[in-house]
Amino acid sequence: MSLLFETIKCQNRQLHNLSYHDNRVRWSRENLFGMSHDFDFANTIKIPDWIGEGIYRCRVSYGEEIEKVEFFAYEFKHPKVLQLDEYPSFNYEFKYEDRGKFQNLLKIYPNADDVIITQNDLITDATYANIALFDGTKWFTPNTFLLLGTKREYLLDNQLLTEDEIKVSDLKKFKKIALINAMRDLDLAYDFEVDKNIISIKLNNGIA
């Protein structure tokens, strides 16, 4: 079995959203390994001395035990093209390090920056993020998600995001799209256009 992993945002030497990462690790280990004891990243991760101010990505690889903790510099990348792909059998309930299915999907669309997976014409997730869509008043996220994202859960708990069924045909009702994950929040939001199965991002004035 592949190891699992967590990506944790480290900003100015502070680890973000740890309780949500703890919960996902606890849930994953209980369901995969039958382990029921609590888990606490705050007492597990030591931030290296070379980490300074700014934003870094902390990656934790684990199975029944923590296998590796790594830190990397992080730079935000803005997508230009998102491809929609219907993949009814795709499943990503646990955050495995083996991302071969995602990588194969991205290879099919070399001109796309990411692929949004649809199932039965419903929006699920992109390969590296949950989806959020803004209608001009509220932010929504699909209730047909693939992975229980930590940032998604945080935004839902704080009533900054509303869960709903979102069809591919509903995309034209929305004004902005955001790809949310541990490193990306709703402030990285983009105006967009939809043409068949391609979402084109407007970078000039689309960043909220």
Protein backbone atom coordinates (compact mmCIF):
# COMPACT_ATOMS: atom_id res chain seq x y z
CA MET A 1 0.00 0.00 0.00
CA SER A 2 1.20 3.50 -0.84
CA LEU A 3 2.04 5.84 2.01
CA LEU A 4 -0.35 8.71 2.67
CA PHE A 5 0.68 12.32 2.98
CA GLU A 6 -0.39 15.70 4.29
CA THR A 7 0.61 19.08 2.89
CA ILE A 8 0.63 21.75 5.59
CA LYS A 9 1.08 25.46 5.06
CA CYS A 10 3.94 26.99 7.04
CA GLN A 11 3.85 30.79 7.06
CA ASN A 12 6.28 32.88 9.09
CA ARG A 13 7.26 29.71 10.98
CA GLN A 14 3.65 28.97 11.93
CA LEU A 15 1.88 25.78 10.82
CA HIS A 16 -1.69 26.38 9.67
CA ASN A 17 -4.94 24.46 10.14
CA LEU A 18 -3.31 21.74 12.23
CA SER A 19 -6.53 20.51 13.86
CA TYR A 20 -7.99 19.74 10.42
CA HIS A 21 -4.86 17.87 9.35
CA ASP A 22 -4.91 15.99 12.66
CA ASN A 23 -8.51 14.98 12.03
CA ARG A 24 -7.80 13.68 8.54
CA VAL A 25 -4.78 11.67 9.65
CA ARG A 26 -6.76 10.26 12.57
CA TRP A 27 -9.67 9.31 10.28
CA SER A 28 -7.38 7.79 7.63
CA ARG A 29 -5.40 5.68 10.11
CA GLU A 30 -8.58 4.49 11.82
CA ASN A 31 -10.18 3.42 8.53
CA LEU A 32 -7.06 1.93 6.93
CA PHE A 33 -5.17 0.49 9.90
CA GLY A 34 -7.74 0.21 12.69
CA MET A 35 -5.83 2.73 14.81
CA SER A 36 -8.05 4.73 17.16
CA HIS A 37 -5.68 6.87 19.24
CA ASP A 38 -5.43 10.65 18.89
CA PHE A 39 -2.89 12.38 16.68
CA ASP A 40 -1.24 15.76 17.23
CA PHE A 41 0.92 17.41 14.54
CA ALA A 42 1.80 20.28 16.88
CA ASN A 43 3.90 17.87 18.95
CA THR A 44 5.15 15.89 15.96
CA ILE A 45 6.59 18.45 13.53
CA LYS A 46 9.73 20.41 14.33
CA ILE A 47 10.23 23.41 12.05
CA PRO A 48 13.88 23.46 10.87
CA ASP A 49 16.07 26.41 11.79
CA TRP A 50 16.61 27.29 8.12
CA ILE A 51 12.90 28.08 7.64
CA GLY A 52 12.44 31.85 7.78
CA GLU A 53 9.67 34.32 7.08
CA GLY A 54 7.37 33.75 4.10
CA ILE A 55 5.45 30.69 2.94
CA TYR A 56 6.75 27.13 2.88
CA ARG A 57 5.15 23.78 2.15
CA CYS A 58 5.49 21.09 4.79
CA ARG A 59 4.96 17.56 3.48
CA VAL A 60 4.41 14.71 5.94
CA SER A 61 4.52 11.12 4.65
CA TYR A 62 2.91 8.52 6.90
CA GLY A 63 1.38 5.09 7.27
CA GLU A 64 0.87 3.61 10.70
CA GLU A 65 3.74 5.90 11.77
CA ILE A 66 5.24 9.13 10.48
CA GLU A 67 7.85 8.20 7.86
CA LYS A 68 9.18 11.55 6.70
CA VAL A 69 8.74 15.31 7.24
CA GLU A 70 10.04 17.68 4.56
CA PHE A 71 9.90 21.43 3.98
CA PHE A 72 9.97 23.17 0.60
CA ALA A 73 9.86 26.78 -0.58
CA TYR A 74 6.48 27.58 -2.12
CA GLU A 75 5.47 29.82 -5.00
CA PHE A 76 1.87 30.42 -6.04
CA LYS A 77 1.07 29.48 -9.63
CA HIS A 78 -1.92 30.86 -11.49
CA PRO A 79 -3.70 28.46 -13.87
CA LYS A 80 -4.76 29.58 -17.33
CA VAL A 81 -6.67 26.54 -18.61
CA LEU A 82 -8.72 23.98 -16.68
CA GLN A 83 -9.97 20.92 -18.53
CA LEU A 84 -13.20 19.14 -17.57
CA ASP A 85 -13.03 15.34 -17.84
CA GLU A 86 -15.83 12.85 -17.14
CA TYR A 87 -14.39 10.02 -15.05
CA PRO A 88 -17.26 8.21 -13.24
CA SER A 89 -15.09 5.52 -11.62
CA PHE A 90 -12.41 7.83 -10.19
CA ASN A 91 -11.97 7.47 -6.42
CA TYR A 92 -9.58 9.38 -4.13
CA GLU A 93 -11.01 8.98 -0.64
CA PHE A 94 -7.59 8.78 1.02
CA LYS A 95 -4.67 11.13 0.30
CA TYR A 96 -2.17 8.61 -1.06
CA GLU A 97 1.33 9.52 -2.24
CA ASP A 98 0.71 7.38 -5.32
CA ARG A 99 -0.92 9.92 -7.63
CA GLY A 100 -0.46 7.89 -10.81
CA LYS A 101 -4.10 8.20 -11.87
CA PHE A 102 -3.91 11.99 -11.57
CA GLN A 103 -0.63 12.12 -13.48
CA ASN A 104 -2.04 9.96 -16.28
CA LEU A 105 -5.06 12.22 -16.52
CA LEU A 106 -2.89 15.34 -16.76
CA LYS A 107 -0.84 13.71 -19.55
CA ILE A 108 -4.00 13.39 -21.66
CA TYR A 109 -4.40 17.18 -21.61
CA PRO A 110 -0.89 18.66 -21.94
CA ASN A 111 -2.27 22.13 -22.70
CA ALA A 112 -4.24 22.27 -19.45
CA ASP A 113 -2.84 23.47 -16.14
CA ASP A 114 -5.18 21.20 -14.23
CA VAL A 115 -8.09 18.83 -14.81
CA ILE A 116 -11.44 19.06 -13.05
CA ILE A 117 -13.00 15.61 -12.75
CA THR A 118 -16.73 15.29 -13.36
CA GLN A 119 -18.89 12.32 -12.47
CA ASN A 120 -22.35 11.93 -13.97
CA ASP A 121 -22.05 15.53 -15.18
CA LEU A 122 -21.40 16.79 -11.63
CA ILE A 123 -18.32 18.79 -10.60
CA THR A 124 -16.05 17.01 -8.10
CA ASP A 125 -12.41 18.16 -7.61
CA ALA A 126 -9.38 19.22 -9.58
CA THR A 127 -6.31 16.99 -9.36
CA TYR A 128 -4.61 19.18 -6.73
CA ALA A 129 -7.51 21.04 -5.13
CA ASN A 130 -11.13 21.22 -4.14
CA ILE A 131 -13.31 23.58 -6.16
CA ALA A 132 -15.02 26.78 -4.97
CA LEU A 133 -17.32 28.92 -7.11
CA PHE A 134 -18.61 32.45 -6.44
CA ASP A 135 -22.03 33.58 -7.73
CA GLY A 136 -21.56 37.24 -6.87
CA THR A 137 -22.90 36.84 -3.33
CA LYS A 138 -21.76 33.51 -1.88
CA TRP A 139 -19.07 30.89 -2.36
CA PHE A 140 -20.16 27.31 -3.12
CA THR A 141 -18.33 23.99 -3.26
CA PRO A 142 -19.54 20.69 -4.77
CA ASN A 143 -21.10 18.17 -2.41
CA THR A 144 -19.74 15.51 -4.80
CA PHE A 145 -16.10 16.09 -3.77
CA LEU A 146 -13.49 13.32 -4.04
CA LEU A 147 -11.18 14.22 -1.15
CA LEU A 148 -12.15 15.66 2.22
CA GLY A 149 -9.93 18.75 1.93
CA THR A 150 -8.68 20.47 5.07
CA LYS A 151 -9.13 24.01 3.72
CA ARG A 152 -12.57 23.05 2.39
CA GLU A 153 -13.59 21.82 5.86
CA TYR A 154 -12.23 24.97 7.51
CA LEU A 155 -14.17 27.24 5.15
CA LEU A 156 -17.38 25.23 5.62
CA ASP A 157 -17.05 25.27 9.40
CA ASN A 158 -16.56 29.04 9.34
CA GLN A 159 -19.57 29.53 7.02
CA LEU A 160 -17.39 31.03 4.28
CA LEU A 161 -18.37 28.24 1.89
CA THR A 162 -21.70 26.49 1.19
CA GLU A 163 -21.93 22.90 -0.02
CA ASP A 164 -24.25 22.19 -2.95
CA GLU A 165 -24.69 20.01 -6.01
CA ILE A 166 -23.03 21.73 -8.97
CA LYS A 167 -23.60 20.47 -12.50
CA VAL A 168 -21.29 21.24 -15.40
CA SER A 169 -24.14 23.26 -16.92
CA ASP A 170 -24.25 25.37 -13.71
CA LEU A 171 -20.73 26.74 -14.26
CA LYS A 172 -21.98 29.62 -16.42
CA LYS A 173 -24.00 30.90 -13.46
CA PHE A 174 -20.83 31.67 -11.49
CA LYS A 175 -18.51 34.68 -11.70
CA LYS A 176 -15.30 33.38 -10.10
CA ILE A 177 -13.55 30.08 -9.47
CA ALA A 178 -10.96 29.20 -6.83
CA LEU A 179 -8.83 26.08 -6.45
CA ILE A 180 -8.60 25.59 -2.70
CA ASN A 181 -6.20 23.39 -0.78
CA ALA A 182 -3.88 23.64 2.21
CA MET A 183 -1.78 26.25 0.40
CA ARG A 184 -4.52 28.14 -1.49
CA ASP A 185 -7.46 30.12 -0.11
CA LEU A 186 -10.43 31.99 -1.57
CA ASP A 187 -8.27 35.08 -2.11
CA LEU A 188 -6.77 33.30 -5.14
CA ALA A 189 -9.98 33.58 -7.16
CA TYR A 190 -10.30 34.04 -10.92
CA ASP A 191 -12.81 35.32 -13.43
CA PHE A 192 -13.39 32.64 -16.04
CA GLU A 193 -15.20 31.60 -19.20
CA VAL A 194 -16.52 28.14 -20.12
CA ASP A 195 -16.42 26.79 -23.67
CA LYS A 196 -17.55 23.17 -23.94
CA ASN A 197 -15.19 21.27 -21.60
CA ILE A 198 -12.58 23.99 -21.16
CA ILE A 199 -12.48 26.69 -18.48
CA SER A 200 -10.35 29.68 -19.52
CA ILE A 201 -9.00 31.77 -16.66
CA LYS A 202 -8.82 35.56 -16.98
CA LEU A 203 -5.65 36.57 -15.22
CA ASN A 204 -5.60 40.30 -15.95
CA ASN A 205 -8.40 41.29 -13.61
CA GLY A 206 -9.56 38.02 -12.15
CA ILE A 207 -7.49 37.72 -8.97
CA ALA A 208 -9.70 38.65 -6.03
